[in-house]
Amino acid sequence: MTKTDITHILSAWNEPDPDKRRAIVEAVATPDLVYDDVHKKAPITGHNAFLGFLDFFRSRVTGVTMAADGAPEILTGAARMRFKLTRDGQVFSRGTYFVLLAEDGRIASFFGFIDQEPA
């Protein structure tokens, strides 16, 4: 899997079409994907749970674009990927995902931390 493939998961936050969002997630993440971040009470597992989380996020945080904030750093089986959230062209939050990769290069789990809280 390339750096572009890893950061491609971020485009799922931006995709308004649920079928296209599902296609992104299925292409870059294992079926038993684990996702957690500092705003969640517990990790979620699987494509359907993650897609449900994305639906919830999109309904609560409108007008936001998520993108990579620089190139990810990739090790064998793991990566660190910084991201930024923008609204109206202005960055209002930044964070970091720590990613564990499956043997086939897809994302097996990723964990998000906020480096800059929303303004």
PDB file of N, CA and C in Angstrom:
ATOM      1  N   MET A   1       0.852  -1.182   0.000  1.00  0.00           N
ATOM      2  CA  MET A   1       0.000   0.000   0.000  1.00  0.00           C
ATOM      3  C   MET A   1       0.896   1.242   0.000  1.00  0.00           C
ATOM      4  N   THR A   2       0.518   2.234  -0.753  1.00  0.00           N
ATOM      5  CA  THR A   2       1.301   3.451  -0.857  1.00  0.00           C
ATOM      6  C   THR A   2       0.832   4.490   0.144  1.00  0.00           C
ATOM      7  N   LYS A   3       1.613   5.552   0.285  1.00  0.00           N
ATOM      8  CA  LYS A   3       1.221   6.646   1.172  1.00  0.00           C
ATOM      9  C   LYS A   3      -0.117   7.235   0.743  1.00  0.00           C
ATOM     10  N   THR A   4      -0.322   7.347  -0.555  1.00  0.00           N
ATOM     11  CA  THR A   4      -1.588   7.882  -1.054  1.00  0.00           C
ATOM     12  C   THR A   4      -2.750   7.000  -0.616  1.00  0.00           C
ATOM     13  N   ASP A   5      -2.574   5.695  -0.669  1.00  0.00           N
ATOM     14  CA  ASP A   5      -3.639   4.791  -0.244  1.00  0.00           C
ATOM     15  C   ASP A   5      -3.987   4.994   1.224  1.00  0.00           C
ATOM     16  N   ILE A   6      -2.993   5.149   2.067  1.00  0.00           N
ATOM     17  CA  ILE A   6      -3.244   5.331   3.493  1.00  0.00           C
ATOM     18  C   ILE A   6      -4.015   6.626   3.736  1.00  0.00           C
ATOM     19  N   THR A   7      -3.605   7.706   3.106  1.00  0.00           N
ATOM     20  CA  THR A   7      -4.299   8.974   3.322  1.00  0.00           C
ATOM     21  C   THR A   7      -5.677   8.990   2.655  1.00  0.00           C
ATOM     22  N   HIS A   8      -5.907   8.063   1.740  1.00  0.00           N
ATOM     23  CA  HIS A   8      -7.201   8.022   1.049  1.00  0.00           C
ATOM     24  C   HIS A   8      -8.355   7.804   2.025  1.00  0.00           C
ATOM     25  N   ILE A   9      -8.111   7.151   3.163  1.00  0.00           N
ATOM     26  CA  ILE A   9      -9.172   6.941   4.149  1.00  0.00           C
ATOM     27  C   ILE A   9      -9.750   8.280   4.606  1.00  0.00           C
ATOM     28  N   LEU A  10      -8.932   9.336   4.604  1.00  0.00           N
ATOM     29  CA  LEU A  10      -9.413  10.650   5.045  1.00  0.00           C
ATOM     30  C   LEU A  10     -10.493  11.194   4.121  1.00  0.00           C
ATOM     31  N   SER A  11     -10.451  10.810   2.843  1.00  0.00           N
ATOM     32  CA  SER A  11     -11.463  11.303   1.909  1.00  0.00           C
ATOM     33  C   SER A  11     -12.851  10.746   2.225  1.00  0.00           C
ATOM     34  N   ALA A  12     -12.923   9.675   2.992  1.00  0.00           N
ATOM     35  CA  ALA A  12     -14.232   9.137   3.373  1.00  0.00           C
ATOM     36  C   ALA A  12     -15.014  10.136   4.214  1.00  0.00           C
ATOM     37  N   TRP A  13     -14.328  10.947   5.007  1.00  0.00           N
ATOM     38  CA  TRP A  13     -15.012  11.977   5.805  1.00  0.00           C
ATOM     39  C   TRP A  13     -15.675  13.017   4.895  1.00  0.00           C
ATOM     40  N   ASN A  14     -15.075  13.261   3.736  1.00  0.00           N
ATOM     41  CA  ASN A  14     -15.531  14.330   2.840  1.00  0.00           C
ATOM     42  C   ASN A  14     -16.574  13.875   1.832  1.00  0.00           C
ATOM     43  N   GLU A  15     -16.683  12.590   1.602  1.00  0.00           N
ATOM     44  CA  GLU A  15     -17.538  12.063   0.530  1.00  0.00           C
ATOM     45  C   GLU A  15     -19.014  12.097   0.930  1.00  0.00           C
ATOM     46  N   PRO A  16     -19.835  12.873   0.206  1.00  0.00           N
ATOM     47  CA  PRO A  16     -21.255  12.955   0.557  1.00  0.00           C
ATOM     48  C   PRO A  16     -22.073  11.722   0.151  1.00  0.00           C
ATOM     49  N   ASP A  17     -21.618  10.986  -0.852  1.00  0.00           N
ATOM     50  CA  ASP A  17     -22.369   9.836  -1.341  1.00  0.00           C
ATOM     51  C   ASP A  17     -22.043   8.600  -0.498  1.00  0.00           C
ATOM     52  N   PRO A  18     -23.057   8.020   0.176  1.00  0.00           N
ATOM     53  CA  PRO A  18     -22.799   6.864   1.044  1.00  0.00           C
ATOM     54  C   PRO A  18     -22.184   5.664   0.321  1.00  0.00           C
ATOM     55  N   ASP A  19     -22.579   5.421  -0.932  1.00  0.00           N
ATOM     56  CA  ASP A  19     -22.019   4.279  -1.675  1.00  0.00           C
ATOM     57  C   ASP A  19     -20.546   4.508  -1.998  1.00  0.00           C
ATOM     58  N   LYS A  20     -20.195   5.714  -2.370  1.00  0.00           N
ATOM     59  CA  LYS A  20     -18.796   6.031  -2.644  1.00  0.00           C
ATOM     60  C   LYS A  20     -17.979   6.000  -1.354  1.00  0.00           C
ATOM     61  N   ARG A  21     -18.580   6.469  -0.249  1.00  0.00           N
ATOM     62  CA  ARG A  21     -17.899   6.431   1.052  1.00  0.00           C
ATOM     63  C   ARG A  21     -17.594   4.985   1.434  1.00  0.00           C
ATOM     64  N   ARG A  22     -18.577   4.103   1.245  1.00  0.00           N
ATOM     65  CA  ARG A  22     -18.379   2.675   1.545  1.00  0.00           C
ATOM     66  C   ARG A  22     -17.278   2.091   0.662  1.00  0.00           C
ATOM     67  N   ALA A  23     -17.259   2.447  -0.611  1.00  0.00           N
ATOM     68  CA  ALA A  23     -16.240   1.927  -1.531  1.00  0.00           C
ATOM     69  C   ALA A  23     -14.843   2.353  -1.077  1.00  0.00           C
ATOM     70  N   ILE A  24     -14.697   3.587  -0.612  1.00  0.00           N
ATOM     71  CA  ILE A  24     -13.401   4.054  -0.108  1.00  0.00           C
ATOM     72  C   ILE A  24     -12.970   3.208   1.081  1.00  0.00           C
ATOM     73  N   VAL A  25     -13.862   3.053   2.044  1.00  0.00           N
ATOM     74  CA  VAL A  25     -13.533   2.303   3.267  1.00  0.00           C
ATOM     75  C   VAL A  25     -13.205   0.854   2.936  1.00  0.00           C
ATOM     76  N   GLU A  26     -14.003   0.222   2.097  1.00  0.00           N
ATOM     77  CA  GLU A  26     -13.752  -1.176   1.746  1.00  0.00           C
ATOM     78  C   GLU A  26     -12.439  -1.364   0.997  1.00  0.00           C
ATOM     79  N   ALA A  27     -12.034  -0.352   0.225  1.00  0.00           N
ATOM     80  CA  ALA A  27     -10.787  -0.459  -0.544  1.00  0.00           C
ATOM     81  C   ALA A  27      -9.546  -0.326   0.332  1.00  0.00           C
ATOM     82  N   VAL A  28      -9.618   0.478   1.374  1.00  0.00           N
ATOM     83  CA  VAL A  28      -8.394   0.777   2.130  1.00  0.00           C
ATOM     84  C   VAL A  28      -8.350   0.193   3.536  1.00  0.00           C
ATOM     85  N   ALA A  29      -9.448  -0.418   3.997  1.00  0.00           N
ATOM     86  CA  ALA A  29      -9.478  -0.940   5.371  1.00  0.00           C
ATOM     87  C   ALA A  29      -9.931  -2.393   5.392  1.00  0.00           C
ATOM     88  N   THR A  30      -9.397  -3.142   6.335  1.00  0.00           N
ATOM     89  CA  THR A  30      -9.810  -4.532   6.509  1.00  0.00           C
ATOM     90  C   THR A  30     -11.244  -4.580   7.020  1.00  0.00           C
ATOM     91  N   PRO A  31     -11.968  -5.688   6.760  1.00  0.00           N
ATOM     92  CA  PRO A  31     -13.364  -5.790   7.214  1.00  0.00           C
ATOM     93  C   PRO A  31     -13.522  -5.649   8.731  1.00  0.00           C
ATOM     94  N   ASP A  32     -12.499  -6.047   9.497  1.00  0.00           N
ATOM     95  CA  ASP A  32     -12.562  -5.951  10.954  1.00  0.00           C
ATOM     96  C   ASP A  32     -11.826  -4.717  11.479  1.00  0.00           C
ATOM     97  N   LEU A  33     -11.789  -3.675  10.675  1.00  0.00           N
ATOM     98  CA  LEU A  33     -11.167  -2.402  11.040  1.00  0.00           C
ATOM     99  C   LEU A  33     -11.558  -1.991  12.464  1.00  0.00           C
ATOM    100  N   VAL A  34     -10.572  -1.510  13.215  1.00  0.00           N
ATOM    101  CA  VAL A  34     -10.827  -0.936  14.539  1.00  0.00           C
ATOM    102  C   VAL A  34     -10.502   0.549  14.461  1.00  0.00           C
ATOM    103  N   TYR A  35     -11.439   1.380  14.934  1.00  0.00           N
ATOM    104  CA  TYR A  35     -11.240   2.826  14.942  1.00  0.00           C
ATOM    105  C   TYR A  35     -11.532   3.352  16.336  1.00  0.00           C
ATOM    106  N   ASP A  36     -10.690   4.272  16.778  1.00  0.00           N
ATOM    107  CA  ASP A  36     -10.926   4.933  18.060  1.00  0.00           C
ATOM    108  C   ASP A  36     -10.319   6.321  17.984  1.00  0.00           C
ATOM    109  N   ASP A  37     -10.900   7.251  18.718  1.00  0.00           N
ATOM    110  CA  ASP A  37     -10.299   8.579  18.857  1.00  0.00           C
ATOM    111  C   ASP A  37     -10.661   9.136  20.223  1.00  0.00           C
ATOM    112  N   VAL A  38     -10.078  10.264  20.550  1.00  0.00           N
ATOM    113  CA  VAL A  38     -10.223  10.818  21.901  1.00  0.00           C
ATOM    114  C   VAL A  38     -11.647  11.261  22.211  1.00  0.00           C
ATOM    115  N   HIS A  39     -12.511  11.395  21.230  1.00  0.00           N
ATOM    116  CA  HIS A  39     -13.885  11.800  21.470  1.00  0.00           C
ATOM    117  C   HIS A  39     -14.853  10.622  21.561  1.00  0.00           C
ATOM    118  N   LYS A  40     -14.365   9.412  21.343  1.00  0.00           N
ATOM    119  CA  LYS A  40     -15.212   8.228  21.407  1.00  0.00           C
ATOM    120  C   LYS A  40     -15.118   7.610  22.803  1.00  0.00           C
ATOM    121  N   LYS A  41     -16.215   7.006  23.239  1.00  0.00           N
ATOM    122  CA  LYS A  41     -16.222   6.335  24.540  1.00  0.00           C
ATOM    123  C   LYS A  41     -15.591   4.954  24.471  1.00  0.00           C
ATOM    124  N   ALA A  42     -15.617   4.353  23.276  1.00  0.00           N
ATOM    125  CA  ALA A  42     -15.056   3.011  23.091  1.00  0.00           C
ATOM    126  C   ALA A  42     -14.719   2.832  21.619  1.00  0.00           C
ATOM    127  N   PRO A  43     -13.789   1.939  21.317  1.00  0.00           N
ATOM    128  CA  PRO A  43     -13.456   1.670  19.908  1.00  0.00           C
ATOM    129  C   PRO A  43     -14.660   1.096  19.153  1.00  0.00           C
ATOM    130  N   ILE A  44     -14.671   1.292  17.846  1.00  0.00           N
ATOM    131  CA  ILE A  44     -15.679   0.673  17.000  1.00  0.00           C
ATOM    132  C   ILE A  44     -14.965  -0.298  16.062  1.00  0.00           C
ATOM    133  N   THR A  45     -15.682  -1.334  15.661  1.00  0.00           N
ATOM    134  CA  THR A  45     -15.074  -2.381  14.851  1.00  0.00           C
ATOM    135  C   THR A  45     -15.936  -2.674  13.629  1.00  0.00           C
ATOM    136  N   GLY A  46     -15.290  -2.778  12.484  1.00  0.00           N
ATOM    137  CA  GLY A  46     -15.954  -3.172  11.257  1.00  0.00           C
ATOM    138  C   GLY A  46     -16.342  -2.003  10.370  1.00  0.00           C
ATOM    139  N   HIS A  47     -16.504  -2.313   9.094  1.00  0.00           N
ATOM    140  CA  HIS A  47     -16.872  -1.291   8.106  1.00  0.00           C
ATOM    141  C   HIS A  47     -18.188  -0.614   8.457  1.00  0.00           C
ATOM    142  N   ASN A  48     -19.211  -1.398   8.779  1.00  0.00           N
ATOM    143  CA  ASN A  48     -20.524  -0.803   9.046  1.00  0.00           C
ATOM    144  C   ASN A  48     -20.490   0.142  10.236  1.00  0.00           C
ATOM    145  N   ALA A  49     -19.810  -0.235  11.294  1.00  0.00           N
ATOM    146  CA  ALA A  49     -19.719   0.635  12.473  1.00  0.00           C
ATOM    147  C   ALA A  49     -18.951   1.904  12.137  1.00  0.00           C
ATOM    148  N   PHE A  50     -17.872   1.775  11.381  1.00  0.00           N
ATOM    149  CA  PHE A  50     -17.093   2.950  11.011  1.00  0.00           C
ATOM    150  C   PHE A  50     -17.905   3.870  10.102  1.00  0.00           C
ATOM    151  N   LEU A  51     -18.621   3.298   9.141  1.00  0.00           N
ATOM    152  CA  LEU A  51     -19.465   4.110   8.263  1.00  0.00           C
ATOM    153  C   LEU A  51     -20.567   4.808   9.050  1.00  0.00           C
ATOM    154  N   GLY A  52     -21.108   4.136  10.059  1.00  0.00           N
ATOM    155  CA  GLY A  52     -22.088   4.777  10.940  1.00  0.00           C
ATOM    156  C   GLY A  52     -21.481   5.953  11.686  1.00  0.00           C
ATOM    157  N   PHE A  53     -20.254   5.776  12.146  1.00  0.00           N
ATOM    158  CA  PHE A  53     -19.550   6.879  12.805  1.00  0.00           C
ATOM    159  C   PHE A  53     -19.363   8.045  11.840  1.00  0.00           C
ATOM    160  N   LEU A  54     -18.964   7.760  10.600  1.00  0.00           N
ATOM    161  CA  LEU A  54     -18.789   8.836   9.620  1.00  0.00           C
ATOM    162  C   LEU A  54     -20.097   9.572   9.364  1.00  0.00           C
ATOM    163  N   ASP A  55     -21.202   8.850   9.281  1.00  0.00           N
ATOM    164  CA  ASP A  55     -22.510   9.494   9.116  1.00  0.00           C
ATOM    165  C   ASP A  55     -22.802  10.428  10.290  1.00  0.00           C
ATOM    166  N   PHE A  56     -22.551   9.943  11.500  1.00  0.00           N
ATOM    167  CA  PHE A  56     -22.771  10.755  12.698  1.00  0.00           C
ATOM    168  C   PHE A  56     -21.876  11.997  12.675  1.00  0.00           C
ATOM    169  N   PHE A  57     -20.593  11.804  12.374  1.00  0.00           N
ATOM    170  CA  PHE A  57     -19.646  12.923  12.317  1.00  0.00           C
ATOM    171  C   PHE A  57     -20.118  13.959  11.307  1.00  0.00           C
ATOM    172  N   ARG A  58     -20.484  13.505  10.113  1.00  0.00           N
ATOM    173  CA  ARG A  58     -20.901  14.425   9.045  1.00  0.00           C
ATOM    174  C   ARG A  58     -22.170  15.192   9.432  1.00  0.00           C
ATOM    175  N   SER A  59     -23.048  14.583  10.216  1.00  0.00           N
ATOM    176  CA  SER A  59     -24.271  15.268  10.626  1.00  0.00           C
ATOM    177  C   SER A  59     -24.009  16.303  11.721  1.00  0.00           C
ATOM    178  N   ARG A  60     -22.957  16.101  12.497  1.00  0.00           N
ATOM    179  CA  ARG A  60     -22.634  16.998  13.614  1.00  0.00           C
ATOM    180  C   ARG A  60     -21.638  18.087  13.260  1.00  0.00           C
ATOM    181  N   VAL A  61     -20.718  17.780  12.379  1.00  0.00           N
ATOM    182  CA  VAL A  61     -19.645  18.714  12.023  1.00  0.00           C
ATOM    183  C   VAL A  61     -19.792  19.011  10.533  1.00  0.00           C
ATOM    184  N   THR A  62     -20.638  19.973  10.221  1.00  0.00           N
ATOM    185  CA  THR A  62     -20.966  20.257   8.827  1.00  0.00           C
ATOM    186  C   THR A  62     -19.985  21.260   8.218  1.00  0.00           C
ATOM    187  N   GLY A  63     -19.863  21.182   6.900  1.00  0.00           N
ATOM    188  CA  GLY A  63     -19.034  22.130   6.172  1.00  0.00           C
ATOM    189  C   GLY A  63     -17.545  21.967   6.389  1.00  0.00           C
ATOM    190  N   VAL A  64     -17.134  20.797   6.834  1.00  0.00           N
ATOM    191  CA  VAL A  64     -15.732  20.539   7.170  1.00  0.00           C
ATOM    192  C   VAL A  64     -15.098  19.653   6.112  1.00  0.00           C
ATOM    193  N   THR A  65     -13.841  19.914   5.827  1.00  0.00           N
ATOM    194  CA  THR A  65     -13.053  19.060   4.947  1.00  0.00           C
ATOM    195  C   THR A  65     -11.885  18.507   5.749  1.00  0.00           C
ATOM    196  N   MET A  66     -11.673  17.201   5.644  1.00  0.00           N
ATOM    197  CA  MET A  66     -10.531  16.565   6.294  1.00  0.00           C
ATOM    198  C   MET A  66      -9.499  16.238   5.226  1.00  0.00           C
ATOM    199  N   ALA A  67      -8.231  16.503   5.535  1.00  0.00           N
ATOM    200  CA  ALA A  67      -7.149  16.227   4.586  1.00  0.00           C
ATOM    201  C   ALA A  67      -5.883  15.892   5.351  1.00  0.00           C
ATOM    202  N   ALA A  68      -4.965  15.233   4.648  1.00  0.00           N
ATOM    203  CA  ALA A  68      -3.646  14.962   5.228  1.00  0.00           C
ATOM    204  C   ALA A  68      -2.940  16.290   5.480  1.00  0.00           C
ATOM    205  N   ASP A  69      -2.192  16.348   6.547  1.00  0.00           N
ATOM    206  CA  ASP A  69      -1.408  17.533   6.901  1.00  0.00           C
ATOM    207  C   ASP A  69       0.066  17.137   6.798  1.00  0.00           C
ATOM    208  N   GLY A  70       0.527  16.979   5.562  1.00  0.00           N
ATOM    209  CA  GLY A  70       1.872  16.480   5.304  1.00  0.00           C
ATOM    210  C   GLY A  70       1.822  15.013   4.932  1.00  0.00           C
ATOM    211  N   ALA A  71       2.956  14.487   4.560  1.00  0.00           N
ATOM    212  CA  ALA A  71       3.055  13.081   4.167  1.00  0.00           C
ATOM    213  C   ALA A  71       3.087  12.189   5.399  1.00  0.00           C
ATOM    214  N   PRO A  72       2.455  11.026   5.323  1.00  0.00           N
ATOM    215  CA  PRO A  72       2.530  10.100   6.461  1.00  0.00           C
ATOM    216  C   PRO A  72       3.926   9.503   6.592  1.00  0.00           C
ATOM    217  N   GLU A  73       4.241   9.085   7.790  1.00  0.00           N
ATOM    218  CA  GLU A  73       5.485   8.349   8.045  1.00  0.00           C
ATOM    219  C   GLU A  73       5.100   6.886   8.160  1.00  0.00           C
ATOM    220  N   ILE A  74       5.720   6.045   7.345  1.00  0.00           N
ATOM    221  CA  ILE A  74       5.331   4.645   7.276  1.00  0.00           C
ATOM    222  C   ILE A  74       6.491   3.754   7.682  1.00  0.00           C
ATOM    223  N   LEU A  75       6.206   2.855   8.605  1.00  0.00           N
ATOM    224  CA  LEU A  75       7.137   1.814   9.016  1.00  0.00           C
ATOM    225  C   LEU A  75       6.574   0.486   8.519  1.00  0.00           C
ATOM    226  N   THR A  76       7.257  -0.588   8.791  1.00  0.00           N
ATOM    227  CA  THR A  76       6.721  -1.895   8.457  1.00  0.00           C
ATOM    228  C   THR A  76       5.543  -2.180   9.383  1.00  0.00           C
ATOM    229  N   GLY A  77       4.350  -2.174   8.828  1.00  0.00           N
ATOM    230  CA  GLY A  77       3.169  -2.515   9.613  1.00  0.00           C
ATOM    231  C   GLY A  77       2.533  -1.380  10.390  1.00  0.00           C
ATOM    232  N   ALA A  78       3.086  -0.184  10.322  1.00  0.00           N
ATOM    233  CA  ALA A  78       2.522   0.927  11.095  1.00  0.00           C
ATOM    234  C   ALA A  78       2.798   2.249  10.390  1.00  0.00           C
ATOM    235  N   ALA A  79       2.005   3.251  10.759  1.00  0.00           N
ATOM    236  CA  ALA A  79       2.200   4.578  10.178  1.00  0.00           C
ATOM    237  C   ALA A  79       1.681   5.642  11.135  1.00  0.00           C
ATOM    238  N   ARG A  80       2.199   6.841  10.938  1.00  0.00           N
ATOM    239  CA  ARG A  80       1.679   8.019  11.630  1.00  0.00           C
ATOM    240  C   ARG A  80       1.238   8.980  10.538  1.00  0.00           C
ATOM    241  N   MET A  81       0.005   9.461  10.676  1.00  0.00           N
ATOM    242  CA  MET A  81      -0.569  10.314   9.647  1.00  0.00           C
ATOM    243  C   MET A  81      -1.209  11.520  10.323  1.00  0.00           C
ATOM    244  N   ARG A  82      -0.735  12.697   9.981  1.00  0.00           N
ATOM    245  CA  ARG A  82      -1.325  13.922  10.528  1.00  0.00           C
ATOM    246  C   ARG A  82      -2.455  14.372   9.619  1.00  0.00           C
ATOM    247  N   PHE A  83      -3.465  14.995  10.228  1.00  0.00           N
ATOM    248  CA  PHE A  83      -4.599  15.484   9.454  1.00  0.00           C
ATOM    249  C   PHE A  83      -4.985  16.878   9.919  1.00  0.00           C
ATOM    250  N   LYS A  84      -5.749  17.542   9.060  1.00  0.00           N
ATOM    251  CA  LYS A  84      -6.292  18.854   9.424  1.00  0.00           C
ATOM    252  C   LYS A  84      -7.746  18.908   8.981  1.00  0.00           C
ATOM    253  N   LEU A  85      -8.522  19.637   9.755  1.00  0.00           N
ATOM    254  CA  LEU A  85      -9.913  19.900   9.423  1.00  0.00           C
ATOM    255  C   LEU A  85     -10.019  21.377   9.067  1.00  0.00           C
ATOM    256  N   THR A  86     -10.633  21.648   7.917  1.00  0.00           N
ATOM    257  CA  THR A  86     -10.801  23.033   7.495  1.00  0.00           C
ATOM    258  C   THR A  86     -12.284  23.321   7.281  1.00  0.00           C
ATOM    259  N   ARG A  87     -12.618  24.567   7.494  1.00  0.00           N
ATOM    260  CA  ARG A  87     -13.967  25.065   7.210  1.00  0.00           C
ATOM    261  C   ARG A  87     -13.801  26.443   6.608  1.00  0.00           C
ATOM    262  N   ASP A  88     -14.425  26.665   5.479  1.00  0.00           N
ATOM    263  CA  ASP A  88     -14.318  27.952   4.774  1.00  0.00           C
ATOM    264  C   ASP A  88     -12.868  28.323   4.509  1.00  0.00           C
ATOM    265  N   GLY A  89     -12.049  27.302   4.185  1.00  0.00           N
ATOM    266  CA  GLY A  89     -10.654  27.543   3.838  1.00  0.00           C
ATOM    267  C   GLY A  89      -9.731  27.784   5.021  1.00  0.00           C
ATOM    268  N   GLN A  90     -10.260  27.755   6.235  1.00  0.00           N
ATOM    269  CA  GLN A  90      -9.456  28.004   7.431  1.00  0.00           C
ATOM    270  C   GLN A  90      -9.289  26.714   8.245  1.00  0.00           C
ATOM    271  N   VAL A  91      -8.061  26.411   8.626  1.00  0.00           N
ATOM    272  CA  VAL A  91      -7.818  25.252   9.490  1.00  0.00           C
ATOM    273  C   VAL A  91      -8.356  25.571  10.882  1.00  0.00           C
ATOM    274  N   PHE A  92      -9.195  24.694  11.397  1.00  0.00           N
ATOM    275  CA  PHE A  92      -9.700  24.923  12.750  1.00  0.00           C
ATOM    276  C   PHE A  92      -9.363  23.794  13.713  1.00  0.00           C
ATOM    277  N   SER A  93      -8.768  22.721  13.204  1.00  0.00           N
ATOM    278  CA  SER A  93      -8.336  21.642  14.086  1.00  0.00           C
ATOM    279  C   SER A  93      -7.280  20.814  13.362  1.00  0.00           C
ATOM    280  N   ARG A  94      -6.356  20.260  14.146  1.00  0.00           N
ATOM    281  CA  ARG A  94      -5.328  19.357  13.614  1.00  0.00           C
ATOM    282  C   ARG A  94      -5.225  18.153  14.540  1.00  0.00           C
ATOM    283  N   GLY A  95      -4.798  17.041  13.957  1.00  0.00           N
ATOM    284  CA  GLY A  95      -4.636  15.845  14.767  1.00  0.00           C
ATOM    285  C   GLY A  95      -3.686  14.859  14.126  1.00  0.00           C
ATOM    286  N   THR A  96      -3.544  13.729  14.810  1.00  0.00           N
ATOM    287  CA  THR A  96      -2.652  12.674  14.356  1.00  0.00           C
ATOM    288  C   THR A  96      -3.364  11.337  14.480  1.00  0.00           C
ATOM    289  N   TYR A  97      -3.244  10.530  13.436  1.00  0.00           N
ATOM    290  CA  TYR A  97      -3.700   9.143  13.484  1.00  0.00           C
ATOM    291  C   TYR A  97      -2.484   8.237  13.542  1.00  0.00           C
ATOM    292  N   PHE A  98      -2.538   7.266  14.439  1.00  0.00           N
ATOM    293  CA  PHE A  98      -1.573   6.179  14.466  1.00  0.00           C
ATOM    294  C   PHE A  98      -2.273   4.978  13.837  1.00  0.00           C
ATOM    295  N   VAL A  99      -1.645   4.392  12.845  1.00  0.00           N
ATOM    296  CA  VAL A  99      -2.277   3.388  11.988  1.00  0.00           C
ATOM    297  C   VAL A  99      -1.506   2.080  12.085  1.00  0.00           C
ATOM    298  N   LEU A 100      -2.231   0.978  12.226  1.00  0.00           N
ATOM    299  CA  LEU A 100      -1.644  -0.355  12.115  1.00  0.00           C
ATOM    300  C   LEU A 100      -2.131  -0.948  10.808  1.00  0.00           C
ATOM    301  N   LEU A 101      -1.196  -1.503  10.059  1.00  0.00           N
ATOM    302  CA  LEU A 101      -1.492  -2.025   8.731  1.00  0.00           C
ATOM    303  C   LEU A 101      -1.544  -3.544   8.745  1.00  0.00           C
ATOM    304  N   ALA A 102      -2.472  -4.098   7.978  1.00  0.00           N
ATOM    305  CA  ALA A 102      -2.547  -5.548   7.793  1.00  0.00           C
ATOM    306  C   ALA A 102      -1.431  -5.980   6.842  1.00  0.00           C
ATOM    307  N   GLU A 103      -1.215  -7.275   6.754  1.00  0.00           N
ATOM    308  CA  GLU A 103      -0.160  -7.788   5.868  1.00  0.00           C
ATOM    309  C   GLU A 103      -0.369  -7.382   4.417  1.00  0.00           C
ATOM    310  N   ASP A 104      -1.622  -7.223   4.008  1.00  0.00           N
ATOM    311  CA  ASP A 104      -1.901  -6.830   2.620  1.00  0.00           C
ATOM    312  C   ASP A 104      -1.807  -5.318   2.411  1.00  0.00           C
ATOM    313  N   GLY A 105      -1.435  -4.578   3.463  1.00  0.00           N
ATOM    314  CA  GLY A 105      -1.238  -3.140   3.354  1.00  0.00           C
ATOM    315  C   GLY A 105      -2.458  -2.304   3.674  1.00  0.00           C
ATOM    316  N   ARG A 106      -3.623  -2.942   3.845  1.00  0.00           N
ATOM    317  CA  ARG A 106      -4.808  -2.164   4.205  1.00  0.00           C
ATOM    318  C   ARG A 106      -4.756  -1.772   5.679  1.00  0.00           C
ATOM    319  N   ILE A 107      -5.538  -0.770   6.020  1.00  0.00           N
ATOM    320  CA  ILE A 107      -5.591  -0.294   7.406  1.00  0.00           C
ATOM    321  C   ILE A 107      -6.365  -1.302   8.243  1.00  0.00           C
ATOM    322  N   ALA A 108      -5.719  -1.799   9.291  1.00  0.00           N
ATOM    323  CA  ALA A 108      -6.360  -2.729  10.219  1.00  0.00           C
ATOM    324  C   ALA A 108      -6.954  -1.979  11.407  1.00  0.00           C
ATOM    325  N   SER A 109      -6.274  -0.947  11.852  1.00  0.00           N
ATOM    326  CA  SER A 109      -6.791  -0.126  12.949  1.00  0.00           C
ATOM    327  C   SER A 109      -6.145   1.244  12.888  1.00  0.00           C
ATOM    328  N   PHE A 110      -6.885   2.230  13.379  1.00  0.00           N
ATOM    329  CA  PHE A 110      -6.285   3.541  13.506  1.00  0.00           C
ATOM    330  C   PHE A 110      -6.915   4.287  14.653  1.00  0.00           C
ATOM    331  N   PHE A 111      -6.046   5.097  15.292  1.00  0.00           N
ATOM    332  CA  PHE A 111      -6.364   5.748  16.547  1.00  0.00           C
ATOM    333  C   PHE A 111      -6.055   7.231  16.410  1.00  0.00           C
ATOM    334  N   GLY A 112      -7.052   8.075  16.697  1.00  0.00           N
ATOM    335  CA  GLY A 112      -6.902   9.502  16.480  1.00  0.00           C
ATOM    336  C   GLY A 112      -6.708  10.299  17.755  1.00  0.00           C
ATOM    337  N   PHE A 113      -5.821  11.283  17.652  1.00  0.00           N
ATOM    338  CA  PHE A 113      -5.536  12.210  18.746  1.00  0.00           C
ATOM    339  C   PHE A 113      -5.623  13.618  18.209  1.00  0.00           C
ATOM    340  N   ILE A 114      -6.158  14.529  18.999  1.00  0.00           N
ATOM    341  CA  ILE A 114      -6.286  15.922  18.591  1.00  0.00           C
ATOM    342  C   ILE A 114      -5.053  16.676  19.054  1.00  0.00           C
ATOM    343  N   ASP A 115      -4.356  17.323  18.106  1.00  0.00           N
ATOM    344  CA  ASP A 115      -3.184  18.134  18.428  1.00  0.00           C
ATOM    345  C   ASP A 115      -3.576  19.594  18.624  1.00  0.00           C
ATOM    346  N   GLN A 116      -4.620  20.035  17.943  1.00  0.00           N
ATOM    347  CA  GLN A 116      -5.132  21.398  18.069  1.00  0.00           C
ATOM    348  C   GLN A 116      -6.643  21.301  18.137  1.00  0.00           C
ATOM    349  N   GLU A 117      -7.204  21.602  19.285  1.00  0.00           N
ATOM    350  CA  GLU A 117      -8.660  21.538  19.462  1.00  0.00           C
ATOM    351  C   GLU A 117      -9.341  22.548  18.546  1.00  0.00           C
ATOM    352  N   PRO A 118     -10.575  22.228  18.132  1.00  0.00           N
ATOM    353  CA  PRO A 118     -11.307  23.192  17.299  1.00  0.00           C
ATOM    354  C   PRO A 118     -11.416  24.558  17.964  1.00  0.00           C
ATOM    355  N   ALA A 119     -11.237  25.583  17.156  1.00  0.00           N
ATOM    356  CA  ALA A 119     -11.292  26.958  17.676  1.00  0.00           C
ATOM    357  C   ALA A 119     -12.732  27.381  17.900  1.00  0.00           C
TER     358      ALA A 119
END
